[in-house]
Amino acid sequence: MCSVNVRAPDPATLDRIVVSARDCFLRLGVRRTRIADIAEGAGMVRQTVYDSVSGRGELVDLAMRARSREMADLVRAMPQNGRNPVGEQLVAVL
């Protein structure tokens, strides 16, 4: 039986990839973004991106998760004085 060595991607490398993917998605759009564009923006070869993620779909998911965390941080940083309901806070963040 053959065993496959599957490693978790290095967090710093994955972060560089996601940052580059977000930039490419913003500039080029998701459909026009190629893995080569993301790799170039992250300063690495395309194979490193493929070693870290399964493809563009996973990168879209990771980019959306990162943005959701940023938005949650913005909401948490807003003053909680009782006059600012959560719905209004979300509108302000968006």
PDB file of N, CA and C in Angstrom:
ATOM      1  N   MET A   1       0.830  -1.167   0.000  1.00  0.00           N
ATOM      2  CA  MET A   1       0.000   0.000   0.000  1.00  0.00           C
ATOM      3  C   MET A   1       0.882   1.240   0.000  1.00  0.00           C
ATOM      4  N   CYS A   2       0.591   2.183  -0.838  1.00  0.00           N
ATOM      5  CA  CYS A   2       1.364   3.413  -0.983  1.00  0.00           C
ATOM      6  C   CYS A   2       0.763   4.494  -0.097  1.00  0.00           C
ATOM      7  N   SER A   3       1.614   5.147   0.680  1.00  0.00           N
ATOM      8  CA  SER A   3       1.109   6.241   1.506  1.00  0.00           C
ATOM      9  C   SER A   3       1.472   7.574   0.864  1.00  0.00           C
ATOM     10  N   VAL A   4       0.578   8.504   0.983  1.00  0.00           N
ATOM     11  CA  VAL A   4       0.774   9.830   0.418  1.00  0.00           C
ATOM     12  C   VAL A   4       1.121  10.779   1.546  1.00  0.00           C
ATOM     13  N   ASN A   5       2.194  11.523   1.359  1.00  0.00           N
ATOM     14  CA  ASN A   5       2.615  12.490   2.366  1.00  0.00           C
ATOM     15  C   ASN A   5       1.905  13.814   2.093  1.00  0.00           C
ATOM     16  N   VAL A   6       0.854  14.092   2.850  1.00  0.00           N
ATOM     17  CA  VAL A   6       0.101  15.337   2.684  1.00  0.00           C
ATOM     18  C   VAL A   6       0.443  16.244   3.860  1.00  0.00           C
ATOM     19  N   ARG A   7       1.084  17.366   3.544  1.00  0.00           N
ATOM     20  CA  ARG A   7       1.462  18.320   4.584  1.00  0.00           C
ATOM     21  C   ARG A   7       0.522  19.509   4.556  1.00  0.00           C
ATOM     22  N   ALA A   8       0.321  20.069   5.709  1.00  0.00           N
ATOM     23  CA  ALA A   8      -0.428  21.323   5.771  1.00  0.00           C
ATOM     24  C   ALA A   8       0.476  22.420   5.227  1.00  0.00           C
ATOM     25  N   PRO A   9      -0.092  23.356   4.474  1.00  0.00           N
ATOM     26  CA  PRO A   9       0.747  24.428   3.938  1.00  0.00           C
ATOM     27  C   PRO A   9       1.309  25.305   5.041  1.00  0.00           C
ATOM     28  N   ASP A  10       2.487  25.841   4.804  1.00  0.00           N
ATOM     29  CA  ASP A  10       3.103  26.781   5.723  1.00  0.00           C
ATOM     30  C   ASP A  10       2.186  27.992   5.867  1.00  0.00           C
ATOM     31  N   PRO A  11       1.818  28.388   7.093  1.00  0.00           N
ATOM     32  CA  PRO A  11       0.886  29.507   7.274  1.00  0.00           C
ATOM     33  C   PRO A  11       1.347  30.809   6.617  1.00  0.00           C
ATOM     34  N   ALA A  12       2.628  31.114   6.676  1.00  0.00           N
ATOM     35  CA  ALA A  12       3.128  32.353   6.064  1.00  0.00           C
ATOM     36  C   ALA A  12       2.995  32.298   4.545  1.00  0.00           C
ATOM     37  N   THR A  13       3.276  31.135   3.971  1.00  0.00           N
ATOM     38  CA  THR A  13       3.138  30.971   2.519  1.00  0.00           C
ATOM     39  C   THR A  13       1.681  31.084   2.117  1.00  0.00           C
ATOM     40  N   LEU A  14       0.808  30.421   2.858  1.00  0.00           N
ATOM     41  CA  LEU A  14      -0.619  30.480   2.554  1.00  0.00           C
ATOM     42  C   LEU A  14      -1.137  31.912   2.670  1.00  0.00           C
ATOM     43  N   ASP A  15      -0.659  32.647   3.663  1.00  0.00           N
ATOM     44  CA  ASP A  15      -1.081  34.038   3.822  1.00  0.00           C
ATOM     45  C   ASP A  15      -0.655  34.869   2.611  1.00  0.00           C
ATOM     46  N   ARG A  16       0.579  34.690   2.148  1.00  0.00           N
ATOM     47  CA  ARG A  16       1.041  35.421   0.952  1.00  0.00           C
ATOM     48  C   ARG A  16       0.186  35.085  -0.256  1.00  0.00           C
ATOM     49  N   ILE A  17      -0.181  33.832  -0.389  1.00  0.00           N
ATOM     50  CA  ILE A  17      -1.008  33.397  -1.519  1.00  0.00           C
ATOM     51  C   ILE A  17      -2.383  34.045  -1.445  1.00  0.00           C
ATOM     52  N   VAL A  18      -2.995  34.029  -0.272  1.00  0.00           N
ATOM     53  CA  VAL A  18      -4.343  34.595  -0.114  1.00  0.00           C
ATOM     54  C   VAL A  18      -4.313  36.104  -0.344  1.00  0.00           C
ATOM     55  N   VAL A  19      -3.318  36.795   0.163  1.00  0.00           N
ATOM     56  CA  VAL A  19      -3.200  38.240  -0.066  1.00  0.00           C
ATOM     57  C   VAL A  19      -3.082  38.523  -1.560  1.00  0.00           C
ATOM     58  N   SER A  20      -2.255  37.759  -2.244  1.00  0.00           N
ATOM     59  CA  SER A  20      -2.097  37.938  -3.688  1.00  0.00           C
ATOM     60  C   SER A  20      -3.390  37.610  -4.427  1.00  0.00           C
ATOM     61  N   ALA A  21      -4.059  36.533  -4.016  1.00  0.00           N
ATOM     62  CA  ALA A  21      -5.314  36.147  -4.662  1.00  0.00           C
ATOM     63  C   ALA A  21      -6.352  37.251  -4.506  1.00  0.00           C
ATOM     64  N   ARG A  22      -6.468  37.811  -3.329  1.00  0.00           N
ATOM     65  CA  ARG A  22      -7.435  38.888  -3.110  1.00  0.00           C
ATOM     66  C   ARG A  22      -7.130  40.082  -3.999  1.00  0.00           C
ATOM     67  N   ASP A  23      -5.859  40.422  -4.111  1.00  0.00           N
ATOM     68  CA  ASP A  23      -5.468  41.527  -4.974  1.00  0.00           C
ATOM     69  C   ASP A  23      -5.819  41.226  -6.437  1.00  0.00           C
ATOM     70  N   CYS A  24      -5.502  40.018  -6.884  1.00  0.00           N
ATOM     71  CA  CYS A  24      -5.809  39.634  -8.266  1.00  0.00           C
ATOM     72  C   CYS A  24      -7.314  39.598  -8.519  1.00  0.00           C
ATOM     73  N   PHE A  25      -8.073  39.060  -7.589  1.00  0.00           N
ATOM     74  CA  PHE A  25      -9.530  39.007  -7.752  1.00  0.00           C
ATOM     75  C   PHE A  25     -10.098  40.418  -7.874  1.00  0.00           C
ATOM     76  N   LEU A  26      -9.552  41.339  -7.106  1.00  0.00           N
ATOM     77  CA  LEU A  26     -10.022  42.718  -7.142  1.00  0.00           C
ATOM     78  C   LEU A  26      -9.665  43.386  -8.479  1.00  0.00           C
ATOM     79  N   ARG A  27      -8.423  43.185  -8.924  1.00  0.00           N
ATOM     80  CA  ARG A  27      -7.964  43.837 -10.158  1.00  0.00           C
ATOM     81  C   ARG A  27      -8.503  43.189 -11.427  1.00  0.00           C
ATOM     82  N   LEU A  28      -8.524  41.855 -11.457  1.00  0.00           N
ATOM     83  CA  LEU A  28      -8.824  41.131 -12.688  1.00  0.00           C
ATOM     84  C   LEU A  28     -10.206  40.487 -12.706  1.00  0.00           C
ATOM     85  N   GLY A  29     -10.786  40.305 -11.531  1.00  0.00           N
ATOM     86  CA  GLY A  29     -12.010  39.529 -11.413  1.00  0.00           C
ATOM     87  C   GLY A  29     -11.658  38.069 -11.182  1.00  0.00           C
ATOM     88  N   VAL A  30     -12.548  37.358 -10.541  1.00  0.00           N
ATOM     89  CA  VAL A  30     -12.274  35.954 -10.191  1.00  0.00           C
ATOM     90  C   VAL A  30     -12.071  35.105 -11.444  1.00  0.00           C
ATOM     91  N   ARG A  31     -12.926  35.248 -12.419  1.00  0.00           N
ATOM     92  CA  ARG A  31     -12.850  34.398 -13.603  1.00  0.00           C
ATOM     93  C   ARG A  31     -11.594  34.628 -14.431  1.00  0.00           C
ATOM     94  N   ARG A  32     -11.095  35.853 -14.451  1.00  0.00           N
ATOM     95  CA  ARG A  32      -9.916  36.155 -15.260  1.00  0.00           C
ATOM     96  C   ARG A  32      -8.613  35.912 -14.521  1.00  0.00           C
ATOM     97  N   THR A  33      -8.678  35.700 -13.231  1.00  0.00           N
ATOM     98  CA  THR A  33      -7.469  35.463 -12.453  1.00  0.00           C
ATOM     99  C   THR A  33      -6.961  34.050 -12.692  1.00  0.00           C
ATOM    100  N   ARG A  34      -5.686  33.954 -13.026  1.00  0.00           N
ATOM    101  CA  ARG A  34      -5.038  32.651 -13.213  1.00  0.00           C
ATOM    102  C   ARG A  34      -4.150  32.359 -12.005  1.00  0.00           C
ATOM    103  N   ILE A  35      -3.905  31.107 -11.763  1.00  0.00           N
ATOM    104  CA  ILE A  35      -3.009  30.727 -10.665  1.00  0.00           C
ATOM    105  C   ILE A  35      -1.638  31.352 -10.888  1.00  0.00           C
ATOM    106  N   ALA A  36      -1.220  31.465 -12.143  1.00  0.00           N
ATOM    107  CA  ALA A  36       0.069  32.097 -12.451  1.00  0.00           C
ATOM    108  C   ALA A  36       0.086  33.555 -11.993  1.00  0.00           C
ATOM    109  N   ASP A  37      -1.043  34.261 -12.125  1.00  0.00           N
ATOM    110  CA  ASP A  37      -1.134  35.656 -11.654  1.00  0.00           C
ATOM    111  C   ASP A  37      -0.942  35.717 -10.142  1.00  0.00           C
ATOM    112  N   ILE A  38      -1.596  34.802  -9.456  1.00  0.00           N
ATOM    113  CA  ILE A  38      -1.516  34.760  -7.991  1.00  0.00           C
ATOM    114  C   ILE A  38      -0.102  34.433  -7.553  1.00  0.00           C
ATOM    115  N   ALA A  39       0.508  33.456  -8.198  1.00  0.00           N
ATOM    116  CA  ALA A  39       1.883  33.063  -7.858  1.00  0.00           C
ATOM    117  C   ALA A  39       2.846  34.232  -8.072  1.00  0.00           C
ATOM    118  N   GLU A  40       2.696  34.909  -9.195  1.00  0.00           N
ATOM    119  CA  GLU A  40       3.573  36.045  -9.484  1.00  0.00           C
ATOM    120  C   GLU A  40       3.408  37.137  -8.423  1.00  0.00           C
ATOM    121  N   GLY A  41       2.171  37.439  -8.074  1.00  0.00           N
ATOM    122  CA  GLY A  41       1.923  38.452  -7.059  1.00  0.00           C
ATOM    123  C   GLY A  41       2.463  38.072  -5.693  1.00  0.00           C
ATOM    124  N   ALA A  42       2.513  36.771  -5.408  1.00  0.00           N
ATOM    125  CA  ALA A  42       3.021  36.288  -4.121  1.00  0.00           C
ATOM    126  C   ALA A  42       4.531  36.073  -4.145  1.00  0.00           C
ATOM    127  N   GLY A  43       5.137  36.241  -5.333  1.00  0.00           N
ATOM    128  CA  GLY A  43       6.588  36.063  -5.452  1.00  0.00           C
ATOM    129  C   GLY A  43       7.026  34.622  -5.356  1.00  0.00           C
ATOM    130  N   MET A  44       6.243  33.737  -5.962  1.00  0.00           N
ATOM    131  CA  MET A  44       6.580  32.311  -5.923  1.00  0.00           C
ATOM    132  C   MET A  44       6.201  31.658  -7.239  1.00  0.00           C
ATOM    133  N   VAL A  45       6.584  30.421  -7.407  1.00  0.00           N
ATOM    134  CA  VAL A  45       6.230  29.699  -8.624  1.00  0.00           C
ATOM    135  C   VAL A  45       4.834  29.101  -8.477  1.00  0.00           C
ATOM    136  N   ARG A  46       4.218  28.846  -9.599  1.00  0.00           N
ATOM    137  CA  ARG A  46       2.845  28.336  -9.626  1.00  0.00           C
ATOM    138  C   ARG A  46       2.704  27.025  -8.848  1.00  0.00           C
ATOM    139  N   GLN A  47       3.709  26.156  -8.920  1.00  0.00           N
ATOM    140  CA  GLN A  47       3.627  24.870  -8.224  1.00  0.00           C
ATOM    141  C   GLN A  47       3.498  25.052  -6.718  1.00  0.00           C
ATOM    142  N   THR A  48       4.117  26.096  -6.174  1.00  0.00           N
ATOM    143  CA  THR A  48       3.992  26.351  -4.732  1.00  0.00           C
ATOM    144  C   THR A  48       2.553  26.662  -4.366  1.00  0.00           C
ATOM    145  N   VAL A  49       1.856  27.394  -5.234  1.00  0.00           N
ATOM    146  CA  VAL A  49       0.438  27.684  -4.985  1.00  0.00           C
ATOM    147  C   VAL A  49      -0.342  26.371  -5.001  1.00  0.00           C
ATOM    148  N   TYR A  50      -0.101  25.537  -6.007  1.00  0.00           N
ATOM    149  CA  TYR A  50      -0.816  24.259  -6.100  1.00  0.00           C
ATOM    150  C   TYR A  50      -0.451  23.305  -4.965  1.00  0.00           C
ATOM    151  N   ASP A  51       0.753  23.440  -4.420  1.00  0.00           N
ATOM    152  CA  ASP A  51       1.128  22.618  -3.262  1.00  0.00           C
ATOM    153  C   ASP A  51       0.383  23.056  -2.009  1.00  0.00           C
ATOM    154  N   SER A  52      -0.114  24.303  -2.008  1.00  0.00           N
ATOM    155  CA  SER A  52      -0.759  24.870  -0.826  1.00  0.00           C
ATOM    156  C   SER A  52      -2.277  24.840  -0.869  1.00  0.00           C
ATOM    157  N   VAL A  53      -2.856  24.944  -2.067  1.00  0.00           N
ATOM    158  CA  VAL A  53      -4.313  24.947  -2.226  1.00  0.00           C
ATOM    159  C   VAL A  53      -4.691  24.075  -3.413  1.00  0.00           C
ATOM    160  N   SER A  54      -5.962  23.688  -3.448  1.00  0.00           N
ATOM    161  CA  SER A  54      -6.410  22.798  -4.526  1.00  0.00           C
ATOM    162  C   SER A  54      -6.719  23.539  -5.818  1.00  0.00           C
ATOM    163  N   GLY A  55      -6.941  24.849  -5.733  1.00  0.00           N
ATOM    164  CA  GLY A  55      -7.235  25.606  -6.940  1.00  0.00           C
ATOM    165  C   GLY A  55      -7.919  26.922  -6.626  1.00  0.00           C
ATOM    166  N   ARG A  56      -8.416  27.550  -7.668  1.00  0.00           N
ATOM    167  CA  ARG A  56      -9.028  28.874  -7.541  1.00  0.00           C
ATOM    168  C   ARG A  56     -10.249  28.858  -6.623  1.00  0.00           C
ATOM    169  N   GLY A  57     -11.049  27.815  -6.675  1.00  0.00           N
ATOM    170  CA  GLY A  57     -12.231  27.734  -5.819  1.00  0.00           C
ATOM    171  C   GLY A  57     -11.876  27.796  -4.346  1.00  0.00           C
ATOM    172  N   GLU A  58     -10.846  27.087  -3.962  1.00  0.00           N
ATOM    173  CA  GLU A  58     -10.408  27.134  -2.562  1.00  0.00           C
ATOM    174  C   GLU A  58      -9.877  28.525  -2.219  1.00  0.00           C
ATOM    175  N   LEU A  59      -9.202  29.168  -3.165  1.00  0.00           N
ATOM    176  CA  LEU A  59      -8.696  30.513  -2.920  1.00  0.00           C
ATOM    177  C   LEU A  59      -9.831  31.514  -2.741  1.00  0.00           C
ATOM    178  N   VAL A  60     -10.901  31.367  -3.507  1.00  0.00           N
ATOM    179  CA  VAL A  60     -12.066  32.240  -3.333  1.00  0.00           C
ATOM    180  C   VAL A  60     -12.619  32.059  -1.922  1.00  0.00           C
ATOM    181  N   ASP A  61     -12.732  30.808  -1.487  1.00  0.00           N
ATOM    182  CA  ASP A  61     -13.235  30.527  -0.141  1.00  0.00           C
ATOM    183  C   ASP A  61     -12.320  31.144   0.921  1.00  0.00           C
ATOM    184  N   LEU A  62     -11.010  30.967   0.780  1.00  0.00           N
ATOM    185  CA  LEU A  62     -10.066  31.527   1.754  1.00  0.00           C
ATOM    186  C   LEU A  62     -10.107  33.055   1.755  1.00  0.00           C
ATOM    187  N   ALA A  63     -10.253  33.654   0.585  1.00  0.00           N
ATOM    188  CA  ALA A  63     -10.335  35.120   0.489  1.00  0.00           C
ATOM    189  C   ALA A  63     -11.602  35.629   1.177  1.00  0.00           C
ATOM    190  N   MET A  64     -12.701  34.927   0.975  1.00  0.00           N
ATOM    191  CA  MET A  64     -13.963  35.331   1.612  1.00  0.00           C
ATOM    192  C   MET A  64     -13.883  35.170   3.127  1.00  0.00           C
ATOM    193  N   ARG A  65     -13.249  34.109   3.586  1.00  0.00           N
ATOM    194  CA  ARG A  65     -13.083  33.919   5.032  1.00  0.00           C
ATOM    195  C   ARG A  65     -12.244  35.039   5.635  1.00  0.00           C
ATOM    196  N   ALA A  66     -11.153  35.405   4.942  1.00  0.00           N
ATOM    197  CA  ALA A  66     -10.286  36.475   5.441  1.00  0.00           C
ATOM    198  C   ALA A  66     -11.054  37.782   5.524  1.00  0.00           C
ATOM    199  N   ARG A  67     -11.835  38.104   4.502  1.00  0.00           N
ATOM    200  CA  ARG A  67     -12.612  39.346   4.520  1.00  0.00           C
ATOM    201  C   ARG A  67     -13.677  39.316   5.608  1.00  0.00           C
ATOM    202  N   SER A  68     -14.294  38.159   5.816  1.00  0.00           N
ATOM    203  CA  SER A  68     -15.296  38.035   6.881  1.00  0.00           C
ATOM    204  C   SER A  68     -14.677  38.280   8.246  1.00  0.00           C
ATOM    205  N   ARG A  69     -13.462  37.751   8.466  1.00  0.00           N
ATOM    206  CA  ARG A  69     -12.771  37.994   9.744  1.00  0.00           C
ATOM    207  C   ARG A  69     -12.463  39.478   9.921  1.00  0.00           C
ATOM    208  N   GLU A  70     -12.028  40.137   8.839  1.00  0.00           N
ATOM    209  CA  GLU A  70     -11.743  41.570   8.911  1.00  0.00           C
ATOM    210  C   GLU A  70     -13.005  42.367   9.253  1.00  0.00           C
ATOM    211  N   MET A  71     -14.106  42.012   8.638  1.00  0.00           N
ATOM    212  CA  MET A  71     -15.361  42.713   8.911  1.00  0.00           C
ATOM    213  C   MET A  71     -15.807  42.482  10.347  1.00  0.00           C
ATOM    214  N   ALA A  72     -15.653  41.262  10.845  1.00  0.00           N
ATOM    215  CA  ALA A  72     -16.015  40.971  12.237  1.00  0.00           C
ATOM    216  C   ALA A  72     -15.153  41.789  13.193  1.00  0.00           C
ATOM    217  N   ASP A  73     -13.871  41.933  12.873  1.00  0.00           N
ATOM    218  CA  ASP A  73     -12.979  42.740  13.713  1.00  0.00           C
ATOM    219  C   ASP A  73     -13.425  44.201  13.727  1.00  0.00           C
ATOM    220  N   LEU A  74     -13.858  44.706  12.562  1.00  0.00           N
ATOM    221  CA  LEU A  74     -14.341  46.091  12.497  1.00  0.00           C
ATOM    222  C   LEU A  74     -15.583  46.287  13.358  1.00  0.00           C
ATOM    223  N   VAL A  75     -16.494  45.329  13.298  1.00  0.00           N
ATOM    224  CA  VAL A  75     -17.713  45.422  14.105  1.00  0.00           C
ATOM    225  C   VAL A  75     -17.360  45.367  15.589  1.00  0.00           C
ATOM    226  N   ARG A  76     -16.450  44.448  15.960  1.00  0.00           N
ATOM    227  CA  ARG A  76     -16.066  44.346  17.364  1.00  0.00           C
ATOM    228  C   ARG A  76     -15.382  45.613  17.869  1.00  0.00           C
ATOM    229  N   ALA A  77     -14.687  46.320  16.992  1.00  0.00           N
ATOM    230  CA  ALA A  77     -13.965  47.528  17.391  1.00  0.00           C
ATOM    231  C   ALA A  77     -14.879  48.739  17.534  1.00  0.00           C
ATOM    232  N   MET A  78     -16.114  48.634  17.066  1.00  0.00           N
ATOM    233  CA  MET A  78     -17.041  49.760  17.172  1.00  0.00           C
ATOM    234  C   MET A  78     -17.488  49.929  18.620  1.00  0.00           C
ATOM    235  N   PRO A  79     -17.722  51.169  19.019  1.00  0.00           N
ATOM    236  CA  PRO A  79     -18.170  51.408  20.394  1.00  0.00           C
ATOM    237  C   PRO A  79     -19.496  50.700  20.676  1.00  0.00           C
ATOM    238  N   GLN A  80     -19.592  50.088  21.818  1.00  0.00           N
ATOM    239  CA  GLN A  80     -20.797  49.370  22.230  1.00  0.00           C
ATOM    240  C   GLN A  80     -21.528  50.213  23.268  1.00  0.00           C
ATOM    241  N   ASN A  81     -22.218  51.235  22.788  1.00  0.00           N
ATOM    242  CA  ASN A  81     -22.871  52.141  23.723  1.00  0.00           C
ATOM    243  C   ASN A  81     -24.381  51.926  23.810  1.00  0.00           C
ATOM    244  N   GLY A  82     -24.890  50.908  23.183  1.00  0.00           N
ATOM    245  CA  GLY A  82     -26.316  50.634  23.245  1.00  0.00           C
ATOM    246  C   GLY A  82     -27.130  51.419  22.239  1.00  0.00           C
ATOM    247  N   ARG A  83     -26.566  52.474  21.695  1.00  0.00           N
ATOM    248  CA  ARG A  83     -27.293  53.277  20.701  1.00  0.00           C
ATOM    249  C   ARG A  83     -27.016  52.792  19.282  1.00  0.00           C
ATOM    250  N   ASN A  84     -26.091  51.882  19.138  1.00  0.00           N
ATOM    251  CA  ASN A  84     -25.676  51.405  17.835  1.00  0.00           C
ATOM    252  C   ASN A  84     -26.017  49.921  17.694  1.00  0.00           C
ATOM    253  N   PRO A  85     -27.229  49.578  17.271  1.00  0.00           N
ATOM    254  CA  PRO A  85     -27.591  48.170  17.116  1.00  0.00           C
ATOM    255  C   PRO A  85     -26.668  47.466  16.120  1.00  0.00           C
ATOM    256  N   VAL A  86     -26.559  46.172  16.271  1.00  0.00           N
ATOM    257  CA  VAL A  86     -25.674  45.376  15.422  1.00  0.00           C
ATOM    258  C   VAL A  86     -25.980  45.597  13.951  1.00  0.00           C
ATOM    259  N   GLY A  87     -27.244  45.672  13.578  1.00  0.00           N
ATOM    260  CA  GLY A  87     -27.605  45.895  12.179  1.00  0.00           C
ATOM    261  C   GLY A  87     -27.027  47.177  11.630  1.00  0.00           C
ATOM    262  N   GLU A  88     -27.070  48.235  12.425  1.00  0.00           N
ATOM    263  CA  GLU A  88     -26.484  49.510  12.000  1.00  0.00           C
ATOM    264  C   GLU A  88     -24.975  49.416  11.909  1.00  0.00           C
ATOM    265  N   GLN A  89     -24.370  48.653  12.807  1.00  0.00           N
ATOM    266  CA  GLN A  89     -22.929  48.467  12.757  1.00  0.00           C
ATOM    267  C   GLN A  89     -22.516  47.746  11.473  1.00  0.00           C
ATOM    268  N   LEU A  90     -23.278  46.719  11.126  1.00  0.00           N
ATOM    269  CA  LEU A  90     -22.972  45.989   9.895  1.00  0.00           C
ATOM    270  C   LEU A  90     -23.116  46.880   8.664  1.00  0.00           C
ATOM    271  N   VAL A  91     -24.136  47.713   8.634  1.00  0.00           N
ATOM    272  CA  VAL A  91     -24.315  48.642   7.520  1.00  0.00           C
ATOM    273  C   VAL A  91     -23.112  49.591   7.444  1.00  0.00           C
ATOM    274  N   ALA A  92     -22.652  50.069   8.578  1.00  0.00           N
ATOM    275  CA  ALA A  92     -21.500  50.970   8.595  1.00  0.00           C
ATOM    276  C   ALA A  92     -20.241  50.285   8.072  1.00  0.00           C
ATOM    277  N   VAL A  93     -20.059  49.019   8.417  1.00  0.00           N
ATOM    278  CA  VAL A  93     -18.888  48.272   7.964  1.00  0.00           C
ATOM    279  C   VAL A  93     -18.964  48.004   6.471  1.00  0.00           C
ATOM    280  N   LEU A  94     -20.165  47.667   6.000  1.00  0.00           N
ATOM    281  CA  LEU A  94     -20.309  47.362   4.577  1.00  0.00           C
ATOM    282  C   LEU A  94     -20.219  48.620   3.757  1.00  0.00           C
TER     283      LEU A  94
END
